[in-house]
N, C-alpha and C. Protein backbone atom coordinates (compact mmCIF):
# COMPACT_ATOMS: atom_id res chain seq x y z
N UNK A 1 -17.18 7.00 15.58
CA UNK A 1 -15.67 8.00 16.02
C UNK A 1 -14.31 7.25 15.05
N UNK A 2 -13.43 8.81 15.47
CA UNK A 2 -12.15 8.72 15.21
C UNK A 2 -10.81 9.15 16.12
N UNK A 3 -9.63 8.72 15.64
CA UNK A 3 -8.98 9.00 16.66
C UNK A 3 -7.77 9.83 15.77
N UNK A 4 -7.28 11.12 16.21
CA UNK A 4 -5.99 11.31 15.99
C UNK A 4 -4.64 11.06 16.17
N UNK A 5 -3.54 10.57 15.64
CA UNK A 5 -2.94 9.89 16.37
C UNK A 5 -1.41 11.02 15.82
N UNK A 6 -0.42 10.66 16.29
CA UNK A 6 1.22 11.88 16.72
C UNK A 6 1.66 10.75 15.34
N UNK A 7 2.75 11.48 14.33
CA UNK A 7 3.63 10.41 13.64
C UNK A 7 4.99 11.46 14.04
N UNK A 8 5.71 11.16 15.02
CA UNK A 8 7.06 11.79 14.42
C UNK A 8 8.38 11.13 13.17
N UNK A 9 8.25 12.31 12.11
CA UNK A 9 9.32 12.21 11.17
C UNK A 9 10.42 12.83 11.19
N UNK A 10 11.58 12.43 10.56
CA UNK A 10 12.75 13.99 9.76
C UNK A 10 12.79 14.89 8.97
N UNK A 11 13.27 15.51 8.48
CA UNK A 11 12.29 16.47 7.72
C UNK A 11 12.30 16.07 6.30
N UNK A 12 13.61 15.01 5.98
CA UNK A 12 13.20 14.24 5.04
C UNK A 12 12.07 13.04 4.78
N UNK A 13 11.92 12.80 6.00
CA UNK A 13 11.02 11.70 5.46
C UNK A 13 9.69 12.63 5.23
N UNK A 14 9.20 13.55 6.11
CA UNK A 14 8.14 14.47 6.18
C UNK A 14 8.06 14.70 4.63
N UNK A 15 9.05 15.20 4.01
CA UNK A 15 8.94 15.93 2.64
C UNK A 15 8.41 15.02 1.63
N UNK A 16 9.31 13.67 2.41
CA UNK A 16 8.96 12.51 1.20
C UNK A 16 7.52 12.01 1.36
N UNK A 17 7.27 11.94 2.12
CA UNK A 17 5.72 11.48 2.34
C UNK A 17 5.18 12.81 1.72
N UNK A 18 4.98 14.05 2.11
CA UNK A 18 4.04 14.85 1.22
C UNK A 18 4.43 14.88 0.27
N UNK A 19 5.37 15.01 -0.83
CA UNK A 19 5.09 15.03 -2.07
C UNK A 19 4.93 13.21 -2.57
N UNK A 20 4.58 12.31 -1.52
CA UNK A 20 4.21 10.73 -2.06
C UNK A 20 2.69 11.59 -2.26
N UNK A 21 1.95 11.87 -0.84
CA UNK A 21 0.75 12.69 -0.85
C UNK A 21 0.11 13.01 -1.93
N UNK A 22 1.12 13.64 -2.46
CA UNK A 22 0.40 15.23 -3.79
C UNK A 22 0.57 14.22 -4.88
N UNK A 23 1.38 13.45 -5.17
CA UNK A 23 1.79 12.21 -6.32
C UNK A 23 0.37 11.59 -6.39
N UNK A 24 -0.12 11.81 -6.04
CA UNK A 24 -1.69 10.69 -5.56
C UNK A 24 -2.65 11.32 -5.68
N UNK A 25 -2.69 12.45 -5.02
CA UNK A 25 -3.57 13.69 -4.68
C UNK A 25 -4.27 12.88 -2.93
N UNK A 26 -3.88 12.63 -2.47
CA UNK A 26 -4.07 12.45 -1.33
C UNK A 26 -3.50 13.21 -0.25
N UNK A 27 -3.73 13.05 1.07
CA UNK A 27 -3.71 13.51 2.69
C UNK A 27 -2.64 12.59 2.85
N UNK A 28 -1.68 13.86 3.66
CA UNK A 28 -0.32 12.68 4.51
C UNK A 28 -2.03 11.71 5.61
N UNK A 29 -2.44 11.91 5.94
CA UNK A 29 -2.88 11.52 6.91
C UNK A 29 -3.69 9.51 6.03
N UNK A 30 -3.66 9.97 5.13
CA UNK A 30 -4.51 8.71 4.03
C UNK A 30 -3.29 8.27 4.12
N UNK A 31 -2.06 8.59 3.71
CA UNK A 31 -0.60 7.97 2.99
C UNK A 31 -0.69 6.87 4.29
N UNK A 32 -0.77 8.01 5.75
CA UNK A 32 -0.08 7.35 6.96
C UNK A 32 -1.09 6.25 7.33
N UNK A 33 -2.45 6.34 6.83
CA UNK A 33 -3.50 5.18 7.06
C UNK A 33 -3.12 4.09 6.51
N UNK A 34 -3.29 4.09 5.29
CA UNK A 34 -2.93 3.86 4.60
C UNK A 34 -1.94 2.56 5.00
N UNK A 35 -0.80 2.69 5.37
CA UNK A 35 0.49 2.10 5.40
C UNK A 35 0.51 1.74 6.95
N UNK A 36 -0.46 2.06 7.56
CA UNK A 36 -0.18 1.16 8.66
C UNK A 36 -1.18 0.50 8.84
N UNK A 37 -2.32 0.50 8.10
CA UNK A 37 -3.63 -0.21 8.46
C UNK A 37 -3.27 -1.58 7.41
N UNK A 38 -1.85 -1.22 6.28
CA UNK A 38 -1.32 -2.43 5.39
C UNK A 38 -0.73 -3.57 6.42
N UNK A 39 0.29 -2.47 7.72
CA UNK A 39 1.43 -3.38 8.66
C UNK A 39 0.66 -4.06 9.20
N UNK A 40 -0.52 -3.70 9.52
CA UNK A 40 -1.10 -4.58 10.91
C UNK A 40 -1.88 -5.39 9.70
N UNK A 41 -2.77 -5.67 9.20
CA UNK A 41 -3.42 -6.62 8.17
C UNK A 41 -2.69 -7.49 7.84
N UNK A 42 -1.63 -7.42 7.35
CA UNK A 42 -0.95 -8.40 6.95
C UNK A 42 -0.12 -9.18 7.91
N UNK A 43 0.16 -8.30 9.14
CA UNK A 43 1.07 -9.18 10.08
C UNK A 43 0.08 -10.36 11.15
N UNK A 44 -1.32 -10.02 10.83
CA UNK A 44 -2.38 -10.23 11.20
C UNK A 44 -2.20 -11.79 10.71
N UNK A 45 -2.03 -12.27 9.25
CA UNK A 45 -1.75 -13.29 9.14
C UNK A 45 -0.94 -13.70 8.82
N UNK A 46 0.41 -13.42 9.72
CA UNK A 46 1.11 -14.82 10.00
C UNK A 46 2.11 -14.08 11.66
N UNK A 47 1.10 -13.67 12.19
CA UNK A 47 1.51 -13.38 13.87
C UNK A 47 0.14 -14.32 14.46
N UNK A 48 0.03 -15.27 14.97
CA UNK A 48 -0.72 -15.10 16.12
C UNK A 48 -1.12 -14.26 17.37
N UNK A 49 -0.08 -13.94 17.76
CA UNK A 49 0.15 -12.85 18.45
C UNK A 49 -1.29 -11.47 18.21
N UNK A 50 -0.88 -11.08 17.16
CA UNK A 50 -1.02 -9.78 16.60
C UNK A 50 -2.63 -10.75 15.77
N UNK A 51 -2.48 -10.91 15.48
CA UNK A 51 -4.34 -11.72 15.14
C UNK A 51 -5.39 -11.78 16.25
N UNK A 52 -4.65 -12.45 17.60
CA UNK A 52 -5.46 -12.33 18.62
C UNK A 52 -5.84 -10.80 19.21
N UNK A 53 -4.98 -9.97 18.94
CA UNK A 53 -5.16 -9.24 19.56
C UNK A 53 -6.43 -8.01 18.78
N UNK A 54 -5.96 -8.66 17.59
CA UNK A 54 -7.11 -7.65 16.48
C UNK A 54 -8.83 -8.35 16.49
N UNK A 55 -8.24 -9.13 16.81
CA UNK A 55 -9.77 -10.30 17.01
C UNK A 55 -10.63 -10.12 18.69
N UNK A 56 -9.67 -9.32 19.63
CA UNK A 56 -10.16 -9.06 20.63
C UNK A 56 -10.85 -7.77 20.70
N UNK A 57 -10.69 -7.04 19.45
CA UNK A 57 -11.11 -5.46 19.83
C UNK A 57 -12.15 -5.96 18.50
N UNK A 58 -12.78 -6.76 17.65
CA UNK A 58 -13.47 -7.46 16.79
C UNK A 58 -13.65 -6.44 15.43
N UNK A 59 -11.80 -6.33 14.85
CA UNK A 59 -11.54 -5.53 14.07
C UNK A 59 -11.90 -6.09 12.72
N UNK A 60 -12.78 -5.68 11.93
CA UNK A 60 -12.52 -6.34 10.42
C UNK A 60 -11.33 -6.57 9.69
N UNK A 61 -10.71 -7.31 9.52
CA UNK A 61 -9.72 -7.29 8.04
C UNK A 61 -10.24 -6.61 6.96
N UNK A 62 -8.82 -6.14 6.24
CA UNK A 62 -9.23 -5.50 4.94
C UNK A 62 -9.04 -7.17 3.86
N UNK A 63 -10.00 -6.96 3.17
CA UNK A 63 -10.62 -7.66 2.12
C UNK A 63 -9.62 -8.14 1.47
N UNK A 64 -8.51 -7.38 1.23
CA UNK A 64 -7.37 -7.65 0.37
C UNK A 64 -6.20 -8.50 0.98
N UNK A 65 -5.80 -8.32 2.19
CA UNK A 65 -5.18 -8.42 3.46
C UNK A 65 -4.19 -9.37 2.18
N UNK A 66 -4.85 -10.25 2.25
CA UNK A 66 -4.03 -12.26 1.85
C UNK A 66 -2.87 -12.01 0.17
N UNK A 67 -3.91 -10.70 -0.36
CA UNK A 67 -3.28 -10.29 -1.46
C UNK A 67 -1.57 -10.11 -1.73
N UNK A 68 -1.37 -9.99 -2.68
CA UNK A 68 0.27 -10.27 -2.77
C UNK A 68 0.31 -8.84 -3.46
N UNK A 69 -0.71 -8.06 -3.98
CA UNK A 69 -0.49 -6.96 -4.65
C UNK A 69 -1.16 -6.28 -3.58
N UNK A 70 -1.57 -6.11 -2.38
CA UNK A 70 -1.84 -5.01 -1.47
C UNK A 70 -1.14 -4.57 -1.44
N UNK A 71 -1.32 -3.27 -0.82
CA UNK A 71 -0.52 -2.54 -0.23
C UNK A 71 -0.45 -1.03 -1.60
N UNK A 72 0.79 -0.14 -1.79
CA UNK A 72 0.69 0.48 -2.66
C UNK A 72 0.15 0.27 -4.29
N UNK A 73 0.77 -1.12 -4.81
CA UNK A 73 0.24 -1.29 -5.72
C UNK A 73 -1.54 -0.39 -6.32
N UNK A 74 -2.18 -0.78 -4.90
CA UNK A 74 -3.65 -0.82 -4.62
C UNK A 74 -3.67 0.78 -5.36
N UNK A 75 -3.06 2.12 -5.34
CA UNK A 75 -2.53 3.24 -5.88
C UNK A 75 -2.99 3.12 -7.45
N UNK A 76 -2.64 2.52 -8.56
CA UNK A 76 -2.70 2.55 -9.44
C UNK A 76 -3.73 1.57 -10.17
N UNK A 77 -4.35 0.77 -9.38
CA UNK A 77 -4.73 -0.55 -9.96
C UNK A 77 -6.36 -0.33 -10.14
N UNK A 78 -7.05 -0.75 -11.54
CA UNK A 78 -8.26 -0.59 -12.15
C UNK A 78 -9.09 -0.68 -11.33
N UNK A 79 -8.47 -2.03 -10.37
CA UNK A 79 -9.73 -2.89 -10.13
C UNK A 79 -9.90 -2.14 -8.79
N UNK A 80 -9.47 -1.16 -8.10
CA UNK A 80 -9.32 -0.94 -6.26
C UNK A 80 -10.69 -0.85 -6.10
N UNK A 81 -11.70 -0.17 -6.54
CA UNK A 81 -12.99 -0.03 -5.82
C UNK A 81 -13.87 -1.35 -5.10
N UNK A 82 -13.55 -2.25 -6.44
CA UNK A 82 -14.13 -3.29 -6.62
C UNK A 82 -13.23 -4.72 -5.83
N UNK A 83 -11.86 -4.21 -5.81
CA UNK A 83 -10.59 -5.23 -4.66
C UNK A 83 -11.37 -4.72 -2.76
N UNK A 84 -11.45 -3.51 -3.07
CA UNK A 84 -11.60 -2.86 -1.59
C UNK A 84 -13.02 -3.39 -0.80
N UNK A 85 -14.36 -3.69 -1.64
CA UNK A 85 -15.79 -4.32 -0.91
C UNK A 85 -15.00 -5.81 -1.16
N UNK A 86 -14.29 -6.76 -1.73
CA UNK A 86 -14.09 -8.18 -2.08
C UNK A 86 -14.78 -8.44 -2.81
N UNK A 87 -15.45 -8.07 -4.33
CA UNK A 87 -15.90 -8.48 -4.79
C UNK A 87 -14.75 -9.17 -6.17
N UNK A 88 -13.68 -8.27 -6.45
CA UNK A 88 -12.56 -8.41 -7.03
C UNK A 88 -11.74 -8.98 -6.63
N UNK A 89 -11.31 -10.92 -7.14
CA UNK A 89 -10.23 -11.82 -6.33
C UNK A 89 -9.64 -11.70 -7.11
N UNK A 90 -9.07 -11.46 -8.02
CA UNK A 90 -8.13 -11.02 -9.13
C UNK A 90 -6.62 -10.64 -8.35
N UNK A 91 -5.81 -10.89 -9.30
CA UNK A 91 -4.59 -9.60 -8.81
C UNK A 91 -4.41 -8.46 -9.32
N UNK A 92 -3.48 -7.98 -8.89
CA UNK A 92 -3.53 -6.33 -9.29
C UNK A 92 -2.73 -6.15 -11.15
N UNK A 93 -3.80 -5.11 -12.23
CA UNK A 93 -4.03 -4.46 -12.74
C UNK A 93 -3.54 -3.47 -13.24
N UNK A 94 -2.76 -2.82 -13.81
CA UNK A 94 -2.36 -1.31 -13.57
C UNK A 94 -3.71 -0.51 -14.39
N UNK A 95 -4.08 0.50 -14.06
CA UNK A 95 -5.07 1.33 -14.59
C UNK A 95 -4.58 2.00 -15.62
N UNK A 96 -4.15 1.87 -17.03
CA UNK A 96 -3.80 2.40 -18.31
C UNK A 96 -3.47 4.03 -18.12
N UNK A 97 -3.89 4.63 -17.45
CA UNK A 97 -3.49 6.48 -17.35
C UNK A 97 -2.45 6.43 -16.55
N UNK A 98 -2.26 5.36 -16.03
CA UNK A 98 -0.01 5.40 -15.04
C UNK A 98 0.81 4.24 -15.50
N UNK A 99 0.11 4.11 -16.77
CA UNK A 99 1.06 3.00 -17.27
C UNK A 99 2.45 3.32 -17.93
N UNK A 100 2.35 4.63 -17.94
CA UNK A 100 3.67 5.05 -18.39
C UNK A 100 4.93 5.18 -17.13
N UNK A 101 4.23 5.34 -15.88
CA UNK A 101 4.91 5.71 -14.59
C UNK A 101 5.52 4.17 -14.51
N UNK A 102 5.02 3.08 -14.66
CA UNK A 102 5.75 2.40 -14.00
C UNK A 102 6.86 1.47 -14.79
N UNK A 103 8.08 1.33 -13.96
CA UNK A 103 9.40 1.39 -14.63
C UNK A 103 9.77 -0.11 -14.98
N UNK A 104 9.10 -0.78 -15.55
CA UNK A 104 9.64 -1.78 -16.04
C UNK A 104 8.12 -2.54 -16.92
N UNK A 105 7.70 -2.46 -17.81
CA UNK A 105 6.26 -2.70 -18.30
C UNK A 105 5.04 -2.32 -17.69
N UNK A 106 4.25 -3.27 -17.44
CA UNK A 106 3.64 -2.88 -16.53
C UNK A 106 3.00 -3.59 -15.21
N UNK A 107 4.45 -4.22 -15.11
CA UNK A 107 4.62 -5.49 -13.30
C UNK A 107 5.35 -4.57 -12.13
N UNK A 108 4.80 -4.33 -11.41
CA UNK A 108 4.54 -3.67 -10.65
C UNK A 108 6.18 -4.58 -9.96
N UNK A 109 5.71 -5.64 -9.15
CA UNK A 109 6.72 -6.58 -8.78
C UNK A 109 7.95 -6.54 -9.64
N UNK A 110 7.71 -6.63 -10.67
CA UNK A 110 8.85 -7.04 -11.49
C UNK A 110 10.46 -5.52 -11.23
N UNK A 111 9.49 -4.22 -11.15
CA UNK A 111 9.91 -3.54 -10.60
C UNK A 111 11.29 -3.81 -9.75
N UNK A 112 10.23 -4.32 -8.13
CA UNK A 112 10.38 -4.14 -7.10
C UNK A 112 11.86 -5.25 -7.01
N UNK A 113 11.55 -6.69 -7.91
CA UNK A 113 12.55 -7.86 -7.39
C UNK A 113 13.36 -7.24 -8.54
N UNK A 114 14.24 -5.99 -9.49
CA UNK A 114 14.90 -5.92 -10.28
C UNK A 114 15.80 -4.97 -9.32
N UNK A 115 15.08 -3.71 -8.79
CA UNK A 115 15.53 -3.54 -7.88
C UNK A 115 16.69 -3.62 -6.79
N UNK A 116 15.76 -4.86 -6.30
CA UNK A 116 15.74 -5.57 -4.97
C UNK A 116 17.42 -6.82 -5.81
N UNK A 117 17.62 -6.81 -6.73
CA UNK A 117 18.80 -7.61 -7.13
C UNK A 117 19.43 -6.75 -7.63
N UNK A 118 19.38 -5.45 -7.44
CA UNK A 118 20.78 -4.62 -7.98
C UNK A 118 20.56 -4.55 -9.86
N UNK A 119 19.52 -4.35 -10.48
CA UNK A 119 19.68 -4.28 -11.95
C UNK A 119 19.45 -3.11 -12.31
N UNK A 120 18.70 -2.14 -10.94
CA UNK A 120 18.57 -0.43 -11.32
C UNK A 120 18.28 0.24 -10.34
N UNK A 121 18.88 0.46 -9.26
CA UNK A 121 19.12 1.21 -7.90
C UNK A 121 17.89 2.15 -7.86
N UNK A 122 18.68 3.57 -9.16
CA UNK A 122 18.18 4.60 -9.03
C UNK A 122 16.61 4.63 -9.35
N UNK A 123 16.42 5.78 -8.61
CA UNK A 123 14.40 6.13 -9.02
C UNK A 123 14.79 7.12 -10.06
N UNK A 124 13.77 6.26 -10.86
CA UNK A 124 13.23 7.41 -12.22
C UNK A 124 11.80 7.41 -12.41
N UNK A 125 11.46 8.06 -13.35
CA UNK A 125 10.46 8.89 -13.48
C UNK A 125 10.53 8.42 -15.26
């Protein structure tokens, strides 16, 4: 059984999510679902209360939850399917067809580090 949830966003936020979904050829629902589940899965790793709540409903944790690359990097990883099923235990490796999108070579987390350190705050493609 599935449930429909409603999310309230500003016009700007809705446009951003829509454009993001279009970029990856997925639905807005898929974007919001993956973001929400990543948040819940990873919060349960460090919060006893969240973990207990999830255990109380027999929630099946995502096999990627403890990985540092879990989340948006999965969209461009060459191991997505194997990782989702628990077969691949390594870390993120970019799918070659997406290499031209990464801002700092083929290392997504280096891009995040550089932005947060103020080296390149502008969003470029």
